């Protein structure tokens, strides 16, 4: 009886260790593939938008993009 109990406990410990190893592998692989990119701070907005005059069509397009989820309301 004691031997069965020891075997059961050992199997539970092995299961816990196996899950922990799986989590560690996943975290390592995730860390290698997904790298956080630091955002560059822009000193100005120069070059951030298309050159030329702002037209009514550009304003309308921006409004549609900004409020696209509210269009159905």
Protein backbone atom coordinates (compact mmCIF):
# COMPACT_ATOMS: atom_id res chain seq x y z
CA UNK A 1 0.00 0.00 0.00
CA UNK A 2 2.78 2.42 0.90
CA UNK A 3 4.51 1.68 -2.40
CA UNK A 4 1.36 2.61 -4.37
CA UNK A 5 1.12 5.86 -2.44
CA UNK A 6 4.75 6.73 -3.17
CA UNK A 7 4.27 5.91 -6.85
CA UNK A 8 1.16 8.08 -6.99
CA UNK A 9 2.94 11.01 -5.36
CA UNK A 10 5.94 10.62 -7.68
CA UNK A 11 3.66 10.62 -10.74
CA UNK A 12 1.94 13.78 -9.52
CA UNK A 13 5.30 15.48 -9.03
CA UNK A 14 6.40 14.42 -12.51
CA UNK A 15 3.20 15.83 -13.98
CA UNK A 16 3.77 19.17 -12.24
CA UNK A 17 7.38 19.28 -13.45
CA UNK A 18 6.33 18.42 -17.01
CA UNK A 19 3.77 21.25 -17.06
CA UNK A 20 6.34 23.69 -15.68
CA UNK A 21 8.86 22.68 -18.36
CA UNK A 22 6.22 23.16 -21.04
CA UNK A 23 5.45 26.65 -19.71
CA UNK A 24 9.14 27.54 -19.60
CA UNK A 25 9.67 26.34 -23.19
CA UNK A 26 6.68 28.37 -24.34
CA UNK A 27 7.91 31.49 -22.55
CA UNK A 28 11.41 31.13 -24.01
CA UNK A 29 10.10 30.60 -27.54
CA UNK A 30 7.69 33.49 -27.17
CA UNK A 31 10.53 35.71 -25.95
CA UNK A 32 12.68 34.78 -28.94
CA UNK A 33 10.00 35.36 -31.54
CA UNK A 34 8.19 38.40 -30.14
CA UNK A 35 10.48 41.26 -29.43
CA UNK A 36 9.18 44.49 -28.06
CA UNK A 37 9.96 47.43 -30.28
CA UNK A 38 10.66 50.64 -28.52
CA UNK A 39 8.69 53.55 -29.83
CA UNK A 40 10.72 56.33 -31.34
CA UNK A 41 9.90 59.74 -30.01
CA UNK A 42 9.24 62.10 -32.87
CA UNK A 43 10.49 65.62 -32.30
CA UNK A 44 7.98 66.93 -34.85
CA UNK A 45 5.16 65.81 -37.11
CA UNK A 46 7.16 66.65 -40.24
CA UNK A 47 6.77 63.84 -42.75
CA UNK A 48 3.96 62.17 -40.81
CA UNK A 49 1.22 63.10 -43.27
CA UNK A 50 0.93 63.35 -47.04
CA UNK A 51 2.27 66.55 -48.52
CA UNK A 52 0.02 69.16 -50.05
CA UNK A 53 -3.20 70.77 -48.99
CA UNK A 54 -5.75 69.04 -46.82
CA UNK A 55 -8.83 68.46 -48.92
CA UNK A 56 -12.44 67.82 -47.95
CA UNK A 57 -12.05 64.25 -49.25
CA UNK A 58 -9.13 63.65 -46.87
CA UNK A 59 -11.17 65.00 -43.95
CA UNK A 60 -14.16 62.84 -44.86
CA UNK A 61 -11.97 59.74 -45.20
CA UNK A 62 -10.39 60.42 -41.81
CA UNK A 63 -13.81 60.86 -40.22
CA UNK A 64 -14.98 57.55 -41.70
CA UNK A 65 -11.89 55.78 -40.40
CA UNK A 66 -12.17 57.37 -36.98
CA UNK A 67 -15.87 56.78 -36.48
CA UNK A 68 -16.31 53.54 -38.46
CA UNK A 69 -17.74 51.62 -35.50
CA UNK A 70 -20.36 54.30 -34.84
CA UNK A 71 -21.66 54.34 -38.41
CA UNK A 72 -24.37 51.74 -37.70
CA UNK A 73 -25.80 53.62 -34.73
